[in-house]
Amino acid sequence: MTETNKPTHRRRGATTLMERVRESSPIRAARIAELAAVFSLEHQIHRAMEEAQVSSSELAARLGADKAVVSRDLSGGLSRAKFQRIVRVADALDCDVVPLMLPRDKRKRKEQLVKAFGELSGARPRTTRTTKQLP
């Protein structure tokens, strides 16, 4: 890297959508970051802790872990955690973890989300012309 902290090589291809949004509208970029944070694993765990009225000390006790480990987990340490660790934290908070892979196609994504939400909530699945029933 040069003295100006810019790479000496040129990047192939165009900028990403997020880079273009950040450059064109900092307010919009901040809103996207705020919404993305709501779906972060740490945020969801904090929300579950608040609802269950469980402190980080209590969570550490339930997990049989050191409070420092739980503090690290809640501060971004779960980003590299194994799935089993996330399941243990969820179990300690009497929650379920629902892994969900979604198609990138917007129509298919919406169909799958509606179906998954219906299954999770116990609602009867609605059949439409565009929704395919899976076995």
N, C-alpha and C. Protein backbone atom coordinates (compact mmCIF):
# COMPACT_ATOMS: atom_id res chain seq x y z
N MET A 1 0.84 -1.18 0.00
CA MET A 1 0.00 0.00 0.00
C MET A 1 0.88 1.24 0.00
N THR A 2 0.41 2.29 -0.61
CA THR A 2 1.16 3.53 -0.68
C THR A 2 0.98 4.33 0.59
N GLU A 3 1.62 5.48 0.63
CA GLU A 3 1.53 6.33 1.81
C GLU A 3 0.12 6.84 2.06
N THR A 4 -0.72 6.88 1.03
CA THR A 4 -2.09 7.37 1.19
C THR A 4 -3.04 6.27 1.60
N ASN A 5 -2.50 5.09 1.91
CA ASN A 5 -3.30 3.94 2.33
C ASN A 5 -4.26 3.45 1.26
N LYS A 6 -3.92 3.67 0.02
CA LYS A 6 -4.72 3.13 -1.08
C LYS A 6 -3.95 1.96 -1.69
N PRO A 7 -4.65 0.92 -2.11
CA PRO A 7 -3.94 -0.19 -2.72
C PRO A 7 -3.22 0.26 -3.99
N THR A 8 -2.06 -0.35 -4.24
CA THR A 8 -1.31 0.02 -5.42
C THR A 8 -1.87 -0.65 -6.67
N HIS A 9 -2.65 -1.67 -6.51
CA HIS A 9 -3.25 -2.36 -7.65
C HIS A 9 -4.70 -1.92 -7.83
N ARG A 10 -5.18 -2.03 -9.03
CA ARG A 10 -6.58 -1.67 -9.31
C ARG A 10 -7.45 -2.88 -9.08
N ARG A 11 -8.58 -2.66 -8.52
CA ARG A 11 -9.54 -3.72 -8.27
C ARG A 11 -10.27 -4.04 -9.57
N ARG A 12 -10.47 -5.31 -9.81
CA ARG A 12 -11.23 -5.70 -10.99
C ARG A 12 -12.71 -5.46 -10.77
N GLY A 13 -13.41 -5.12 -11.82
CA GLY A 13 -14.86 -4.97 -11.74
C GLY A 13 -15.29 -3.67 -11.11
N ALA A 14 -16.59 -3.52 -11.00
CA ALA A 14 -17.18 -2.30 -10.46
C ALA A 14 -17.28 -2.39 -8.94
N THR A 15 -17.76 -1.32 -8.36
CA THR A 15 -17.97 -1.30 -6.93
C THR A 15 -19.21 -2.12 -6.59
N THR A 16 -19.30 -2.49 -5.33
CA THR A 16 -20.48 -3.23 -4.89
C THR A 16 -21.63 -2.26 -4.68
N LEU A 17 -22.81 -2.78 -4.59
CA LEU A 17 -23.98 -1.95 -4.35
C LEU A 17 -23.84 -1.19 -3.03
N MET A 18 -23.39 -1.86 -1.99
CA MET A 18 -23.24 -1.19 -0.70
C MET A 18 -22.22 -0.06 -0.79
N GLU A 19 -21.14 -0.24 -1.53
CA GLU A 19 -20.16 0.85 -1.69
C GLU A 19 -20.79 2.03 -2.39
N ARG A 20 -21.58 1.77 -3.43
CA ARG A 20 -22.24 2.86 -4.16
C ARG A 20 -23.26 3.57 -3.28
N VAL A 21 -24.00 2.82 -2.46
CA VAL A 21 -24.98 3.44 -1.56
C VAL A 21 -24.27 4.30 -0.52
N ARG A 22 -23.20 3.78 0.05
CA ARG A 22 -22.44 4.55 1.05
C ARG A 22 -21.94 5.86 0.47
N GLU A 23 -21.46 5.80 -0.78
CA GLU A 23 -20.92 7.00 -1.41
C GLU A 23 -22.02 7.99 -1.75
N SER A 24 -23.16 7.50 -2.22
CA SER A 24 -24.20 8.41 -2.70
C SER A 24 -25.11 8.92 -1.59
N SER A 25 -25.33 8.13 -0.55
CA SER A 25 -26.26 8.54 0.49
C SER A 25 -25.85 7.98 1.85
N PRO A 26 -25.08 8.74 2.60
CA PRO A 26 -24.68 8.26 3.92
C PRO A 26 -25.86 7.99 4.84
N ILE A 27 -26.93 8.76 4.71
CA ILE A 27 -28.12 8.54 5.55
C ILE A 27 -28.74 7.19 5.24
N ARG A 28 -28.87 6.88 3.96
CA ARG A 28 -29.44 5.60 3.55
C ARG A 28 -28.53 4.45 3.97
N ALA A 29 -27.21 4.64 3.83
CA ALA A 29 -26.27 3.61 4.24
C ALA A 29 -26.37 3.34 5.74
N ALA A 30 -26.55 4.41 6.52
CA ALA A 30 -26.69 4.25 7.98
C ALA A 30 -27.96 3.48 8.30
N ARG A 31 -29.04 3.76 7.59
CA ARG A 31 -30.32 3.07 7.82
C ARG A 31 -30.20 1.58 7.49
N ILE A 32 -29.51 1.28 6.39
CA ILE A 32 -29.31 -0.13 6.01
C ILE A 32 -28.48 -0.84 7.08
N ALA A 33 -27.43 -0.17 7.56
CA ALA A 33 -26.60 -0.76 8.61
C ALA A 33 -27.41 -0.99 9.88
N GLU A 34 -28.29 -0.04 10.19
CA GLU A 34 -29.15 -0.16 11.38
C GLU A 34 -30.09 -1.35 11.25
N LEU A 35 -30.71 -1.50 10.08
CA LEU A 35 -31.62 -2.62 9.86
C LEU A 35 -30.87 -3.95 9.87
N ALA A 36 -29.68 -3.98 9.30
CA ALA A 36 -28.90 -5.21 9.29
C ALA A 36 -28.51 -5.61 10.71
N ALA A 37 -28.24 -4.63 11.55
CA ALA A 37 -27.85 -4.91 12.93
C ALA A 37 -28.98 -5.59 13.69
N VAL A 38 -30.22 -5.26 13.36
CA VAL A 38 -31.38 -5.86 14.02
C VAL A 38 -31.40 -7.37 13.79
N PHE A 39 -30.89 -7.80 12.64
CA PHE A 39 -30.89 -9.22 12.33
C PHE A 39 -29.60 -9.92 12.76
N SER A 40 -28.69 -9.18 13.38
CA SER A 40 -27.45 -9.80 13.82
C SER A 40 -27.76 -10.79 14.95
N LEU A 41 -26.95 -11.79 15.03
CA LEU A 41 -27.14 -12.83 16.04
C LEU A 41 -27.02 -12.24 17.44
N GLU A 42 -26.05 -11.37 17.64
CA GLU A 42 -25.87 -10.76 18.95
C GLU A 42 -27.09 -9.95 19.37
N HIS A 43 -27.66 -9.19 18.43
CA HIS A 43 -28.85 -8.39 18.75
C HIS A 43 -30.02 -9.30 19.12
N GLN A 44 -30.19 -10.38 18.39
CA GLN A 44 -31.27 -11.30 18.70
C GLN A 44 -31.08 -11.94 20.08
N ILE A 45 -29.84 -12.24 20.44
CA ILE A 45 -29.58 -12.81 21.75
C ILE A 45 -29.85 -11.79 22.85
N HIS A 46 -29.42 -10.55 22.63
CA HIS A 46 -29.72 -9.49 23.60
C HIS A 46 -31.23 -9.33 23.80
N ARG A 47 -31.97 -9.37 22.70
CA ARG A 47 -33.43 -9.24 22.79
C ARG A 47 -34.04 -10.41 23.55
N ALA A 48 -33.55 -11.62 23.28
CA ALA A 48 -34.06 -12.80 23.99
C ALA A 48 -33.71 -12.72 25.48
N MET A 49 -32.54 -12.19 25.79
CA MET A 49 -32.14 -12.03 27.19
C MET A 49 -33.06 -11.04 27.90
N GLU A 50 -33.37 -9.93 27.23
CA GLU A 50 -34.27 -8.94 27.81
C GLU A 50 -35.66 -9.52 28.06
N GLU A 51 -36.18 -10.26 27.07
CA GLU A 51 -37.50 -10.84 27.21
C GLU A 51 -37.55 -11.88 28.33
N ALA A 52 -36.46 -12.65 28.50
CA ALA A 52 -36.40 -13.67 29.54
C ALA A 52 -35.90 -13.10 30.87
N GLN A 53 -35.55 -11.82 30.86
CA GLN A 53 -35.00 -11.15 32.04
C GLN A 53 -33.79 -11.91 32.58
N VAL A 54 -32.85 -12.19 31.67
CA VAL A 54 -31.64 -12.91 32.00
C VAL A 54 -30.45 -11.98 31.80
N SER A 55 -29.63 -11.83 32.83
CA SER A 55 -28.42 -11.00 32.72
C SER A 55 -27.31 -11.82 32.08
N SER A 56 -26.24 -11.15 31.71
CA SER A 56 -25.11 -11.87 31.13
C SER A 56 -24.48 -12.81 32.16
N SER A 57 -24.50 -12.42 33.42
CA SER A 57 -23.99 -13.30 34.49
C SER A 57 -24.83 -14.57 34.60
N GLU A 58 -26.16 -14.39 34.53
CA GLU A 58 -27.06 -15.54 34.60
C GLU A 58 -26.88 -16.43 33.37
N LEU A 59 -26.73 -15.82 32.20
CA LEU A 59 -26.51 -16.61 30.98
C LEU A 59 -25.22 -17.41 31.10
N ALA A 60 -24.17 -16.77 31.63
CA ALA A 60 -22.90 -17.48 31.82
C ALA A 60 -23.09 -18.68 32.75
N ALA A 61 -23.86 -18.49 33.82
CA ALA A 61 -24.11 -19.58 34.76
C ALA A 61 -24.89 -20.71 34.08
N ARG A 62 -25.88 -20.34 33.28
CA ARG A 62 -26.67 -21.37 32.58
C ARG A 62 -25.82 -22.15 31.58
N LEU A 63 -24.83 -21.46 30.98
CA LEU A 63 -23.97 -22.12 29.99
C LEU A 63 -22.81 -22.85 30.64
N GLY A 64 -22.58 -22.57 31.93
CA GLY A 64 -21.41 -23.14 32.60
C GLY A 64 -20.13 -22.54 32.03
N ALA A 65 -20.21 -21.27 31.67
CA ALA A 65 -19.07 -20.58 31.06
C ALA A 65 -18.67 -19.38 31.90
N ASP A 66 -17.50 -18.88 31.65
CA ASP A 66 -17.01 -17.69 32.32
C ASP A 66 -17.76 -16.47 31.77
N LYS A 67 -17.99 -15.49 32.64
CA LYS A 67 -18.72 -14.29 32.22
C LYS A 67 -17.97 -13.56 31.11
N ALA A 68 -16.66 -13.61 31.10
CA ALA A 68 -15.87 -12.96 30.06
C ALA A 68 -16.13 -13.59 28.69
N VAL A 69 -16.35 -14.90 28.66
CA VAL A 69 -16.63 -15.60 27.41
C VAL A 69 -17.99 -15.14 26.87
N VAL A 70 -18.97 -15.04 27.75
CA VAL A 70 -20.30 -14.60 27.33
C VAL A 70 -20.24 -13.15 26.86
N SER A 71 -19.50 -12.33 27.56
CA SER A 71 -19.33 -10.93 27.16
C SER A 71 -18.71 -10.83 25.77
N ARG A 72 -17.69 -11.64 25.52
CA ARG A 72 -17.07 -11.67 24.19
C ARG A 72 -18.06 -12.12 23.13
N ASP A 73 -18.84 -13.15 23.46
CA ASP A 73 -19.84 -13.65 22.51
C ASP A 73 -20.85 -12.56 22.15
N LEU A 74 -21.29 -11.82 23.16
CA LEU A 74 -22.31 -10.80 22.94
C LEU A 74 -21.74 -9.54 22.27
N SER A 75 -20.44 -9.46 22.17
CA SER A 75 -19.79 -8.30 21.54
C SER A 75 -19.23 -8.65 20.17
N GLY A 76 -19.79 -9.65 19.52
CA GLY A 76 -19.36 -10.01 18.18
C GLY A 76 -18.59 -11.31 18.09
N GLY A 77 -18.36 -11.96 19.20
CA GLY A 77 -17.60 -13.19 19.21
C GLY A 77 -18.32 -14.37 18.59
N LEU A 78 -19.62 -14.25 18.40
CA LEU A 78 -20.38 -15.37 17.82
C LEU A 78 -20.27 -15.42 16.30
N SER A 79 -19.64 -14.42 15.71
CA SER A 79 -19.54 -14.41 14.25
C SER A 79 -18.74 -15.59 13.72
N ARG A 80 -17.83 -16.11 14.54
CA ARG A 80 -17.03 -17.26 14.11
C ARG A 80 -17.35 -18.51 14.92
N ALA A 81 -18.41 -18.44 15.70
CA ALA A 81 -18.78 -19.58 16.55
C ALA A 81 -19.32 -20.73 15.72
N LYS A 82 -19.10 -21.91 16.23
CA LYS A 82 -19.68 -23.09 15.60
C LYS A 82 -21.18 -23.09 15.87
N PHE A 83 -21.91 -23.71 15.00
CA PHE A 83 -23.37 -23.74 15.11
C PHE A 83 -23.80 -24.31 16.46
N GLN A 84 -23.10 -25.32 16.93
CA GLN A 84 -23.46 -25.95 18.20
C GLN A 84 -23.38 -24.96 19.36
N ARG A 85 -22.44 -24.04 19.31
CA ARG A 85 -22.32 -23.02 20.37
C ARG A 85 -23.55 -22.11 20.34
N ILE A 86 -23.98 -21.74 19.17
CA ILE A 86 -25.15 -20.87 19.04
C ILE A 86 -26.39 -21.60 19.55
N VAL A 87 -26.50 -22.88 19.26
CA VAL A 87 -27.63 -23.68 19.75
C VAL A 87 -27.62 -23.75 21.28
N ARG A 88 -26.43 -23.90 21.87
CA ARG A 88 -26.33 -23.94 23.34
C ARG A 88 -26.80 -22.63 23.97
N VAL A 89 -26.41 -21.51 23.36
CA VAL A 89 -26.85 -20.21 23.88
C VAL A 89 -28.36 -20.09 23.75
N ALA A 90 -28.90 -20.49 22.61
CA ALA A 90 -30.35 -20.44 22.42
C ALA A 90 -31.07 -21.33 23.43
N ASP A 91 -30.56 -22.52 23.65
CA ASP A 91 -31.16 -23.43 24.64
C ASP A 91 -31.16 -22.80 26.03
N ALA A 92 -30.08 -22.14 26.37
CA ALA A 92 -29.98 -21.50 27.69
C ALA A 92 -31.02 -20.39 27.85
N LEU A 93 -31.48 -19.84 26.73
CA LEU A 93 -32.49 -18.78 26.76
C LEU A 93 -33.88 -19.31 26.41
N ASP A 94 -34.01 -20.64 26.36
CA ASP A 94 -35.27 -21.31 26.00
C ASP A 94 -35.79 -20.83 24.65
N CYS A 95 -34.87 -20.81 23.67
CA CYS A 95 -35.20 -20.40 22.30
C CYS A 95 -34.75 -21.48 21.33
N ASP A 96 -35.28 -21.42 20.13
CA ASP A 96 -34.86 -22.29 19.05
C ASP A 96 -34.07 -21.48 18.04
N VAL A 97 -33.16 -22.14 17.36
CA VAL A 97 -32.41 -21.54 16.26
C VAL A 97 -32.99 -22.10 14.98
N VAL A 98 -33.31 -21.23 14.04
CA VAL A 98 -33.89 -21.66 12.79
C VAL A 98 -32.98 -21.24 11.65
N PRO A 99 -32.11 -22.15 11.19
CA PRO A 99 -31.29 -21.79 10.03
C PRO A 99 -32.16 -21.78 8.78
N LEU A 100 -31.95 -20.81 7.94
CA LEU A 100 -32.81 -20.66 6.78
C LEU A 100 -31.99 -20.21 5.60
N MET A 101 -31.96 -21.01 4.57
CA MET A 101 -31.30 -20.61 3.33
C MET A 101 -32.38 -20.12 2.38
N LEU A 102 -32.17 -18.95 1.82
CA LEU A 102 -33.17 -18.34 0.95
C LEU A 102 -32.63 -18.15 -0.46
N PRO A 103 -33.48 -18.38 -1.45
CA PRO A 103 -33.05 -18.11 -2.83
C PRO A 103 -32.85 -16.61 -3.04
N ARG A 104 -32.00 -16.26 -3.97
CA ARG A 104 -31.75 -14.83 -4.25
C ARG A 104 -32.85 -14.22 -5.11
N ASP A 105 -33.56 -15.03 -5.85
CA ASP A 105 -34.68 -14.53 -6.66
C ASP A 105 -35.75 -13.99 -5.71
N LYS A 106 -36.15 -12.74 -5.91
CA LYS A 106 -37.07 -12.07 -4.96
C LYS A 106 -38.40 -12.79 -4.84
N ARG A 107 -38.97 -13.23 -5.94
CA ARG A 107 -40.27 -13.91 -5.89
C ARG A 107 -40.16 -15.23 -5.13
N LYS A 108 -39.14 -16.01 -5.46
CA LYS A 108 -38.95 -17.29 -4.77
C LYS A 108 -38.64 -17.08 -3.30
N ARG A 109 -37.86 -16.03 -3.00
CA ARG A 109 -37.52 -15.72 -1.61
C ARG A 109 -38.78 -15.43 -0.81
N LYS A 110 -39.65 -14.60 -1.39
CA LYS A 110 -40.89 -14.24 -0.70
C LYS A 110 -41.75 -15.48 -0.46
N GLU A 111 -41.88 -16.31 -1.47
CA GLU A 111 -42.67 -17.53 -1.32
C GLU A 111 -42.12 -18.41 -0.21
N GLN A 112 -40.80 -18.57 -0.16
CA GLN A 112 -40.20 -19.43 0.85
C GLN A 112 -40.35 -18.83 2.24
N LEU A 113 -40.21 -17.51 2.36
CA LEU A 113 -40.39 -16.87 3.67
C LEU A 113 -41.82 -17.01 4.17
N VAL A 114 -42.79 -16.82 3.28
CA VAL A 114 -44.20 -16.96 3.67
C VAL A 114 -44.46 -18.39 4.13
N LYS A 115 -43.93 -19.35 3.39
CA LYS A 115 -44.14 -20.75 3.74
C LYS A 115 -43.47 -21.07 5.08
N ALA A 116 -42.22 -20.62 5.25
CA ALA A 116 -41.49 -20.90 6.49
C ALA A 116 -42.19 -20.25 7.68
N PHE A 117 -42.65 -19.01 7.51
CA PHE A 117 -43.34 -18.34 8.60
C PHE A 117 -44.62 -19.09 8.97
N GLY A 118 -45.35 -19.55 7.96
CA GLY A 118 -46.56 -20.32 8.23
C GLY A 118 -46.27 -21.60 8.98
N GLU A 119 -45.20 -22.29 8.59
CA GLU A 119 -44.83 -23.53 9.26
C GLU A 119 -44.41 -23.27 10.70
N LEU A 120 -43.64 -22.20 10.91
CA LEU A 120 -43.16 -21.89 12.25
C LEU A 120 -44.28 -21.43 13.17
N SER A 121 -45.25 -20.71 12.61
CA SER A 121 -46.34 -20.19 13.43
C SER A 121 -47.47 -21.18 13.61
N GLY A 122 -47.42 -22.29 12.88
CA GLY A 122 -48.46 -23.30 12.99
C GLY A 122 -49.69 -23.00 12.14
N ALA A 123 -49.58 -21.98 11.29
CA ALA A 123 -50.71 -21.63 10.42
C ALA A 123 -50.81 -22.65 9.30
N ARG A 124 -52.02 -22.82 8.81
CA ARG A 124 -52.23 -23.72 7.69
C ARG A 124 -51.65 -23.08 6.44
N PRO A 125 -50.89 -23.83 5.65
CA PRO A 125 -50.31 -23.24 4.44
C PRO A 125 -51.40 -22.91 3.43
N ARG A 126 -51.29 -21.72 2.87
CA ARG A 126 -52.22 -21.31 1.82
C ARG A 126 -51.65 -21.74 0.49
N THR A 127 -52.50 -22.25 -0.36
CA THR A 127 -52.02 -22.63 -1.68
C THR A 127 -52.43 -21.56 -2.66
N THR A 128 -51.48 -21.17 -3.46
CA THR A 128 -51.74 -20.20 -4.53
C THR A 128 -51.18 -20.77 -5.81
N ARG A 129 -51.44 -20.07 -6.88
CA ARG A 129 -50.96 -20.55 -8.16
C ARG A 129 -49.42 -20.53 -8.21
N THR A 130 -48.80 -19.59 -7.49
CA THR A 130 -47.35 -19.45 -7.59
C THR A 130 -46.60 -20.24 -6.54
N THR A 131 -47.27 -20.72 -5.51
CA THR A 131 -46.58 -21.45 -4.45
C THR A 131 -46.63 -22.94 -4.74
N LYS A 132 -45.47 -23.55 -4.76
CA LYS A 132 -45.39 -25.00 -4.99
C LYS A 132 -45.33 -25.69 -3.64
N GLN A 133 -46.04 -26.78 -3.52
CA GLN A 133 -46.02 -27.55 -2.30
C GLN A 133 -44.82 -28.49 -2.33
N LEU A 134 -44.03 -28.49 -1.27
CA LEU A 134 -42.89 -29.38 -1.17
C LEU A 134 -43.31 -30.63 -0.40
N PRO A 135 -42.70 -31.76 -0.69
CA PRO A 135 -43.07 -32.99 0.02
C PRO A 135 -42.75 -32.93 1.49
